[in-house]
Amino acid sequence: MSQEIPAAVQRALTAIDQQDNDAFVAAFADDGYVDDWGRQFRGHDGIRSWSDNELIGKRATFTDTRVSTPGNPITLVTQVGGDGFNGPSHFTFDVQGDQLASMTITA
């Protein structure tokens, strides 16, 4: 699967697997953002706060991850587990250069 996934996306996924919030935030451009079902969190501070409360801070796990829409943006479908939201989700990543411009989460 990693051959289909851009390096910036893979860095974010690895950071989630390793529960490393610093590495997760570093995968994003300075002006990058997370769109979590319409709620937007911009810049490194916003992304870190969101992840502390919604993702890595909730010990989120991704399993059965696969590419559902290749290209850029790329969409992955995964089963989310952990102490927060649990269930299937789609994560769409827009990659600019070697960093993430955005990550959008939908059903």
C-alpha atoms as a PDB file:
ATOM      1  CA  MET A   1       0.000   0.000   0.000  1.00  0.00           C
ATOM      2  CA  SER A   2       2.780   2.500   0.816  1.00  0.00           C
ATOM      3  CA  GLN A   3       3.807   2.641  -2.874  1.00  0.00           C
ATOM      4  CA  GLU A   4       0.448   4.260  -3.702  1.00  0.00           C
ATOM      5  CA  ILE A   5       0.540   6.718  -0.801  1.00  0.00           C
ATOM      6  CA  PRO A   6       2.542   9.963  -1.048  1.00  0.00           C
ATOM      7  CA  ALA A   7       5.392  10.320   1.447  1.00  0.00           C
ATOM      8  CA  ALA A   8       3.713  13.187   3.353  1.00  0.00           C
ATOM      9  CA  VAL A   9       0.570  11.088   3.875  1.00  0.00           C
ATOM     10  CA  GLN A  10       2.650   8.098   4.943  1.00  0.00           C
ATOM     11  CA  ARG A  11       4.465  10.271   7.504  1.00  0.00           C
ATOM     12  CA  ALA A  12       1.115  11.294   8.997  1.00  0.00           C
ATOM     13  CA  LEU A  13      -0.106   7.680   9.101  1.00  0.00           C
ATOM     14  CA  THR A  14       3.137   6.508  10.715  1.00  0.00           C
ATOM     15  CA  ALA A  15       2.842   9.285  13.307  1.00  0.00           C
ATOM     16  CA  ILE A  16      -0.686   8.113  14.147  1.00  0.00           C
ATOM     17  CA  ASP A  17       0.516   4.506  14.423  1.00  0.00           C
ATOM     18  CA  GLN A  18       3.331   5.627  16.731  1.00  0.00           C
ATOM     19  CA  GLN A  19       1.089   8.061  18.654  1.00  0.00           C
ATOM     20  CA  ASP A  20       3.612  10.835  17.891  1.00  0.00           C
ATOM     21  CA  ASN A  21       1.793  14.170  17.831  1.00  0.00           C
ATOM     22  CA  ASP A  22       4.960  16.141  16.981  1.00  0.00           C
ATOM     23  CA  ALA A  23       5.548  14.052  13.863  1.00  0.00           C
ATOM     24  CA  PHE A  24       1.862  14.253  12.910  1.00  0.00           C
ATOM     25  CA  VAL A  25       1.853  18.055  13.080  1.00  0.00           C
ATOM     26  CA  ALA A  26       5.192  18.238  11.237  1.00  0.00           C
ATOM     27  CA  ALA A  27       3.650  16.418   8.251  1.00  0.00           C
ATOM     28  CA  PHE A  28       1.568  19.570   7.555  1.00  0.00           C
ATOM     29  CA  ALA A  29       2.626  22.802   5.874  1.00  0.00           C
ATOM     30  CA  ASP A  30       2.703  25.862   8.142  1.00  0.00           C
ATOM     31  CA  ASP A  31      -0.653  27.000   6.721  1.00  0.00           C
ATOM     32  CA  GLY A  32      -2.110  23.482   6.496  1.00  0.00           C
ATOM     33  CA  TYR A  33      -5.385  22.497   8.069  1.00  0.00           C
ATOM     34  CA  VAL A  34      -7.549  19.636   9.266  1.00  0.00           C
ATOM     35  CA  ASP A  35     -11.233  19.654   8.324  1.00  0.00           C
ATOM     36  CA  ASP A  36     -13.022  17.311  10.728  1.00  0.00           C
ATOM     37  CA  TRP A  37     -16.578  17.000   9.437  1.00  0.00           C
ATOM     38  CA  GLY A  38     -16.734  20.727   8.671  1.00  0.00           C
ATOM     39  CA  ARG A  39     -14.785  21.966  11.699  1.00  0.00           C
ATOM     40  CA  GLN A  40     -11.495  23.461  10.508  1.00  0.00           C
ATOM     41  CA  PHE A  41      -8.274  23.629  12.499  1.00  0.00           C
ATOM     42  CA  ARG A  42      -5.588  25.756  10.825  1.00  0.00           C
ATOM     43  CA  GLY A  43      -1.835  25.975  11.248  1.00  0.00           C
ATOM     44  CA  HIS A  44       0.407  23.862  13.421  1.00  0.00           C
ATOM     45  CA  ASP A  45      -1.106  25.109  16.697  1.00  0.00           C
ATOM     46  CA  GLY A  46      -4.657  24.411  15.533  1.00  0.00           C
ATOM     47  CA  ILE A  47      -3.751  20.971  14.192  1.00  0.00           C
ATOM     48  CA  ARG A  48      -1.892  20.088  17.401  1.00  0.00           C
ATOM     49  CA  SER A  49      -4.847  21.148  19.558  1.00  0.00           C
ATOM     50  CA  TRP A  50      -7.256  19.145  17.402  1.00  0.00           C
ATOM     51  CA  SER A  51      -5.031  16.052  17.505  1.00  0.00           C
ATOM     52  CA  ASP A  52      -4.574  16.366  21.281  1.00  0.00           C
ATOM     53  CA  ASN A  53      -8.353  16.310  21.700  1.00  0.00           C
ATOM     54  CA  GLU A  54      -9.569  14.187  18.784  1.00  0.00           C
ATOM     55  CA  LEU A  55      -6.846  11.928  17.379  1.00  0.00           C
ATOM     56  CA  ILE A  56      -3.555  11.070  19.054  1.00  0.00           C
ATOM     57  CA  GLY A  57      -4.794  12.336  22.421  1.00  0.00           C
ATOM     58  CA  LYS A  58      -7.628   9.787  22.079  1.00  0.00           C
ATOM     59  CA  ARG A  59      -5.156   7.011  21.174  1.00  0.00           C
ATOM     60  CA  ALA A  60      -6.739   6.666  17.733  1.00  0.00           C
ATOM     61  CA  THR A  61      -5.852   3.665  15.633  1.00  0.00           C
ATOM     62  CA  PHE A  62      -6.344   3.072  11.931  1.00  0.00           C
ATOM     63  CA  THR A  63      -6.886  -0.456  10.648  1.00  0.00           C
ATOM     64  CA  ASP A  64      -7.851  -1.914   7.284  1.00  0.00           C
ATOM     65  CA  THR A  65      -6.608   1.263   5.604  1.00  0.00           C
ATOM     66  CA  ARG A  66      -6.850   1.323   1.826  1.00  0.00           C
ATOM     67  CA  VAL A  67      -6.777   3.845  -0.982  1.00  0.00           C
ATOM     68  CA  SER A  68     -10.299   4.523  -2.229  1.00  0.00           C
ATOM     69  CA  THR A  69      -9.429   7.413  -4.568  1.00  0.00           C
ATOM     70  CA  PRO A  70      -5.846   7.625  -5.856  1.00  0.00           C
ATOM     71  CA  GLY A  71      -4.124  10.787  -7.017  1.00  0.00           C
ATOM     72  CA  ASN A  72      -3.918  14.205  -5.410  1.00  0.00           C
ATOM     73  CA  PRO A  73      -5.976  14.667  -3.456  1.00  0.00           C
ATOM     74  CA  ILE A  74      -5.862  11.059  -2.297  1.00  0.00           C
ATOM     75  CA  THR A  75      -8.641   9.512  -0.231  1.00  0.00           C
ATOM     76  CA  LEU A  76      -8.091   6.651   2.189  1.00  0.00           C
ATOM     77  CA  VAL A  77     -10.826   4.670   3.879  1.00  0.00           C
ATOM     78  CA  THR A  78      -9.964   3.235   7.270  1.00  0.00           C
ATOM     79  CA  GLN A  79     -11.514   1.797  10.393  1.00  0.00           C
ATOM     80  CA  VAL A  80     -10.879   4.207  13.269  1.00  0.00           C
ATOM     81  CA  GLY A  81     -10.550   2.869  16.816  1.00  0.00           C
ATOM     82  CA  GLY A  82      -9.392   4.279  20.127  1.00  0.00           C
ATOM     83  CA  ASP A  83     -10.939   6.304  22.930  1.00  0.00           C
ATOM     84  CA  GLY A  84     -12.808   8.732  20.674  1.00  0.00           C
ATOM     85  CA  PHE A  85     -14.735   8.160  17.465  1.00  0.00           C
ATOM     86  CA  ASN A  86     -14.873   4.523  16.402  1.00  0.00           C
ATOM     87  CA  GLY A  87     -16.000   3.466  12.973  1.00  0.00           C
ATOM     88  CA  PRO A  88     -15.262   3.772   9.289  1.00  0.00           C
ATOM     89  CA  SER A  89     -14.061   7.121   7.946  1.00  0.00           C
ATOM     90  CA  HIS A  90     -12.665   8.641   4.789  1.00  0.00           C
ATOM     91  CA  PHE A  91      -9.547  10.798   5.023  1.00  0.00           C
ATOM     92  CA  THR A  92      -8.748  12.976   2.018  1.00  0.00           C
ATOM     93  CA  PHE A  93      -5.247  14.421   1.878  1.00  0.00           C
ATOM     94  CA  ASP A  94      -4.108  17.283  -0.360  1.00  0.00           C
ATOM     95  CA  VAL A  95      -0.349  17.104  -0.781  1.00  0.00           C
ATOM     96  CA  GLN A  96       1.672  20.142  -1.821  1.00  0.00           C
ATOM     97  CA  GLY A  97       5.356  19.434  -2.335  1.00  0.00           C
ATOM     98  CA  ASP A  98       6.527  17.275   0.554  1.00  0.00           C
ATOM     99  CA  GLN A  99       3.887  18.372   3.077  1.00  0.00           C
ATOM    100  CA  LEU A 100       0.171  18.097   3.656  1.00  0.00           C
ATOM    101  CA  ALA A 101      -1.881  21.134   2.714  1.00  0.00           C
ATOM    102  CA  SER A 102      -4.991  19.571   4.242  1.00  0.00           C
ATOM    103  CA  MET A 103      -6.624  16.499   5.690  1.00  0.00           C
ATOM    104  CA  THR A 104     -10.409  16.297   5.387  1.00  0.00           C
ATOM    105  CA  ILE A 105     -12.405  13.718   7.367  1.00  0.00           C
ATOM    106  CA  THR A 106     -15.833  12.519   6.214  1.00  0.00           C
ATOM    107  CA  ALA A 107     -18.089   9.526   6.715  1.00  0.00           C
END
